[in-house]
Amino acid sequence: MANTVIIYTQTTCGPCQEEKMWLSSQQVAFEDRDIRKNDAYFQEAISLGASMTPVTLIKKEDGEDIIIHGFDKEALKEALSL
């Protein structure tokens, strides 16, 4: 079982688009949850402590959840062992 990567985004968010392109270039599969198109996703992002997008939730194989606020390439590399 691989890590599960969920990104909470908005269409108008530049860093969100950059993160999605970067993850794709690293061959990292992810689920994109647009907080403007689904209120449940908005509430999930708020519950993760989001005050901006993107917010990335990485569910590790060992059960650990890592939350990264903003497009933090170094934190993503570390969390995903890239």
N, C-alpha and C. Protein backbone atom coordinates (compact mmCIF):
# COMPACT_ATOMS: atom_id res chain seq x y z
N MET A 1 0.84 -1.19 0.00
CA MET A 1 0.00 0.00 0.00
C MET A 1 0.88 1.25 0.00
N ALA A 2 0.59 2.17 -0.89
CA ALA A 2 1.38 3.40 -1.00
C ALA A 2 0.78 4.50 -0.12
N ASN A 3 1.53 5.58 0.00
CA ASN A 3 1.01 6.74 0.70
C ASN A 3 -0.20 7.28 -0.07
N THR A 4 -1.15 7.85 0.67
CA THR A 4 -2.28 8.53 0.05
C THR A 4 -2.03 10.03 0.18
N VAL A 5 -2.11 10.74 -0.94
CA VAL A 5 -1.85 12.18 -0.96
C VAL A 5 -3.13 12.88 -1.40
N ILE A 6 -3.62 13.78 -0.55
CA ILE A 6 -4.82 14.57 -0.84
C ILE A 6 -4.43 16.04 -0.76
N ILE A 7 -4.76 16.80 -1.80
CA ILE A 7 -4.46 18.23 -1.82
C ILE A 7 -5.77 19.00 -1.85
N TYR A 8 -5.91 19.91 -0.91
CA TYR A 8 -7.07 20.81 -0.87
C TYR A 8 -6.66 22.08 -1.61
N THR A 9 -7.39 22.39 -2.69
CA THR A 9 -6.99 23.47 -3.58
C THR A 9 -8.17 24.38 -3.94
N GLN A 10 -7.83 25.42 -4.71
CA GLN A 10 -8.81 26.28 -5.35
C GLN A 10 -8.31 26.53 -6.77
N THR A 11 -9.23 26.69 -7.71
CA THR A 11 -8.85 26.90 -9.10
C THR A 11 -7.99 28.15 -9.27
N THR A 12 -8.28 29.20 -8.50
CA THR A 12 -7.59 30.48 -8.65
C THR A 12 -6.29 30.57 -7.85
N CYS A 13 -5.86 29.47 -7.25
CA CYS A 13 -4.67 29.46 -6.38
C CYS A 13 -3.44 29.05 -7.18
N GLY A 14 -2.55 30.01 -7.44
CA GLY A 14 -1.32 29.73 -8.19
C GLY A 14 -0.46 28.65 -7.56
N PRO A 15 -0.16 28.77 -6.24
CA PRO A 15 0.66 27.73 -5.61
C PRO A 15 0.02 26.34 -5.67
N CYS A 16 -1.31 26.28 -5.68
CA CYS A 16 -2.00 24.98 -5.80
C CYS A 16 -1.67 24.34 -7.15
N GLN A 17 -1.75 25.15 -8.21
CA GLN A 17 -1.47 24.62 -9.55
C GLN A 17 0.00 24.20 -9.66
N GLU A 18 0.90 25.00 -9.06
CA GLU A 18 2.32 24.67 -9.08
C GLU A 18 2.57 23.35 -8.36
N GLU A 19 1.94 23.16 -7.20
CA GLU A 19 2.15 21.92 -6.45
C GLU A 19 1.64 20.71 -7.23
N LYS A 20 0.47 20.84 -7.85
CA LYS A 20 -0.07 19.72 -8.62
C LYS A 20 0.85 19.37 -9.79
N MET A 21 1.39 20.39 -10.48
CA MET A 21 2.32 20.13 -11.59
C MET A 21 3.60 19.47 -11.07
N TRP A 22 4.10 19.95 -9.93
CA TRP A 22 5.33 19.40 -9.37
C TRP A 22 5.12 17.94 -8.96
N LEU A 23 4.01 17.65 -8.25
CA LEU A 23 3.74 16.27 -7.85
C LEU A 23 3.63 15.36 -9.07
N SER A 24 2.96 15.83 -10.10
CA SER A 24 2.82 15.04 -11.33
C SER A 24 4.20 14.76 -11.94
N SER A 25 5.07 15.77 -11.93
CA SER A 25 6.41 15.60 -12.50
C SER A 25 7.24 14.60 -11.68
N GLN A 26 6.89 14.42 -10.41
CA GLN A 26 7.57 13.47 -9.54
C GLN A 26 6.89 12.10 -9.55
N GLN A 27 5.88 11.93 -10.41
CA GLN A 27 5.09 10.70 -10.51
C GLN A 27 4.42 10.33 -9.18
N VAL A 28 3.94 11.36 -8.48
CA VAL A 28 3.23 11.14 -7.22
C VAL A 28 1.73 11.26 -7.51
N ALA A 29 1.00 10.18 -7.27
CA ALA A 29 -0.46 10.20 -7.47
C ALA A 29 -1.09 10.98 -6.31
N PHE A 30 -2.11 11.77 -6.63
CA PHE A 30 -2.77 12.55 -5.59
C PHE A 30 -4.24 12.74 -5.95
N GLU A 31 -5.02 13.05 -4.91
CA GLU A 31 -6.43 13.40 -5.10
C GLU A 31 -6.55 14.89 -4.90
N ASP A 32 -7.13 15.57 -5.88
CA ASP A 32 -7.33 17.02 -5.82
C ASP A 32 -8.74 17.31 -5.31
N ARG A 33 -8.82 18.00 -4.17
CA ARG A 33 -10.12 18.35 -3.60
C ARG A 33 -10.29 19.87 -3.63
N ASP A 34 -11.10 20.34 -4.56
CA ASP A 34 -11.34 21.77 -4.73
C ASP A 34 -12.34 22.25 -3.67
N ILE A 35 -11.86 23.09 -2.78
CA ILE A 35 -12.69 23.54 -1.65
C ILE A 35 -13.81 24.48 -2.06
N ARG A 36 -13.73 25.04 -3.27
CA ARG A 36 -14.79 25.93 -3.75
C ARG A 36 -15.92 25.18 -4.43
N LYS A 37 -15.65 23.95 -4.82
CA LYS A 37 -16.67 23.16 -5.52
C LYS A 37 -17.39 22.20 -4.59
N ASN A 38 -16.86 22.01 -3.38
CA ASN A 38 -17.46 21.04 -2.47
C ASN A 38 -17.27 21.54 -1.03
N ASP A 39 -18.37 21.89 -0.38
CA ASP A 39 -18.28 22.44 0.97
C ASP A 39 -17.71 21.45 1.96
N ALA A 40 -17.92 20.15 1.74
CA ALA A 40 -17.36 19.14 2.64
C ALA A 40 -15.83 19.21 2.60
N TYR A 41 -15.26 19.42 1.41
CA TYR A 41 -13.81 19.56 1.28
C TYR A 41 -13.32 20.81 2.00
N PHE A 42 -14.10 21.89 1.89
CA PHE A 42 -13.76 23.13 2.59
C PHE A 42 -13.70 22.87 4.09
N GLN A 43 -14.70 22.18 4.62
CA GLN A 43 -14.74 21.88 6.05
C GLN A 43 -13.58 20.97 6.46
N GLU A 44 -13.24 20.00 5.61
CA GLU A 44 -12.10 19.12 5.90
C GLU A 44 -10.81 19.94 5.98
N ALA A 45 -10.62 20.87 5.04
CA ALA A 45 -9.41 21.70 5.03
C ALA A 45 -9.34 22.55 6.30
N ILE A 46 -10.47 23.11 6.70
CA ILE A 46 -10.52 23.91 7.93
C ILE A 46 -10.14 23.04 9.13
N SER A 47 -10.64 21.81 9.16
CA SER A 47 -10.35 20.91 10.28
C SER A 47 -8.87 20.54 10.34
N LEU A 48 -8.17 20.67 9.21
CA LEU A 48 -6.73 20.41 9.18
C LEU A 48 -5.91 21.65 9.57
N GLY A 49 -6.62 22.74 9.91
CA GLY A 49 -5.94 23.95 10.33
C GLY A 49 -5.64 24.91 9.19
N ALA A 50 -6.29 24.71 8.06
CA ALA A 50 -6.00 25.53 6.89
C ALA A 50 -6.49 26.96 7.06
N SER A 51 -5.62 27.91 6.70
CA SER A 51 -6.04 29.30 6.58
C SER A 51 -5.78 29.76 5.15
N MET A 52 -5.20 28.87 4.34
CA MET A 52 -4.93 29.16 2.93
C MET A 52 -4.80 27.83 2.20
N THR A 53 -4.73 27.89 0.88
CA THR A 53 -4.49 26.70 0.08
C THR A 53 -3.15 26.86 -0.62
N PRO A 54 -2.50 25.80 -1.01
CA PRO A 54 -2.91 24.42 -0.83
C PRO A 54 -2.64 23.91 0.58
N VAL A 55 -3.40 22.92 0.96
CA VAL A 55 -3.13 22.13 2.16
C VAL A 55 -3.01 20.69 1.68
N THR A 56 -1.93 20.04 2.06
CA THR A 56 -1.68 18.68 1.61
C THR A 56 -1.73 17.74 2.80
N LEU A 57 -2.52 16.70 2.67
CA LEU A 57 -2.62 15.65 3.69
C LEU A 57 -1.97 14.40 3.10
N ILE A 58 -0.95 13.92 3.79
CA ILE A 58 -0.28 12.70 3.37
C ILE A 58 -0.54 11.65 4.42
N LYS A 59 -1.24 10.59 4.01
CA LYS A 59 -1.53 9.47 4.91
C LYS A 59 -0.46 8.41 4.63
N LYS A 60 0.45 8.24 5.58
CA LYS A 60 1.57 7.31 5.42
C LYS A 60 1.10 5.88 5.64
N GLU A 61 1.87 4.95 5.08
CA GLU A 61 1.54 3.53 5.21
C GLU A 61 1.50 3.08 6.66
N ASP A 62 2.31 3.73 7.52
CA ASP A 62 2.37 3.33 8.93
C ASP A 62 1.25 3.96 9.77
N GLY A 63 0.33 4.68 9.12
CA GLY A 63 -0.80 5.27 9.83
C GLY A 63 -0.59 6.72 10.22
N GLU A 64 0.63 7.23 10.05
CA GLU A 64 0.93 8.63 10.39
C GLU A 64 0.30 9.54 9.35
N ASP A 65 -0.28 10.66 9.81
CA ASP A 65 -0.79 11.69 8.92
C ASP A 65 0.15 12.89 8.98
N ILE A 66 0.55 13.38 7.82
CA ILE A 66 1.39 14.58 7.74
C ILE A 66 0.58 15.64 7.03
N ILE A 67 0.54 16.83 7.61
CA ILE A 67 -0.20 17.95 7.02
C ILE A 67 0.81 19.02 6.66
N ILE A 68 0.78 19.47 5.41
CA ILE A 68 1.68 20.51 4.94
C ILE A 68 0.84 21.68 4.45
N HIS A 69 1.10 22.86 5.01
CA HIS A 69 0.37 24.07 4.63
C HIS A 69 1.20 24.84 3.61
N GLY A 70 0.56 25.22 2.49
CA GLY A 70 1.26 25.92 1.43
C GLY A 70 2.05 24.93 0.58
N PHE A 71 2.62 25.43 -0.52
CA PHE A 71 3.44 24.59 -1.39
C PHE A 71 4.87 24.64 -0.87
N ASP A 72 5.19 23.68 0.00
CA ASP A 72 6.51 23.59 0.62
C ASP A 72 7.22 22.37 0.02
N LYS A 73 7.98 22.63 -1.05
CA LYS A 73 8.60 21.54 -1.80
C LYS A 73 9.52 20.69 -0.93
N GLU A 74 10.29 21.33 -0.05
CA GLU A 74 11.21 20.56 0.81
C GLU A 74 10.46 19.66 1.78
N ALA A 75 9.38 20.18 2.37
CA ALA A 75 8.58 19.37 3.29
C ALA A 75 7.92 18.20 2.55
N LEU A 76 7.47 18.45 1.33
CA LEU A 76 6.87 17.39 0.52
C LEU A 76 7.89 16.33 0.18
N LYS A 77 9.11 16.74 -0.22
CA LYS A 77 10.17 15.78 -0.54
C LYS A 77 10.46 14.89 0.66
N GLU A 78 10.55 15.51 1.84
CA GLU A 78 10.85 14.74 3.06
C GLU A 78 9.71 13.78 3.38
N ALA A 79 8.48 14.28 3.36
CA ALA A 79 7.33 13.47 3.73
C ALA A 79 7.11 12.30 2.78
N LEU A 80 7.46 12.52 1.49
CA LEU A 80 7.23 11.49 0.48
C LEU A 80 8.50 10.71 0.14
N SER A 81 9.57 10.98 0.88
CA SER A 81 10.86 10.30 0.66
C SER A 81 11.32 10.40 -0.79
N LEU A 82 11.28 11.62 -1.33
CA LEU A 82 11.71 11.85 -2.72
C LEU A 82 13.14 12.34 -2.76
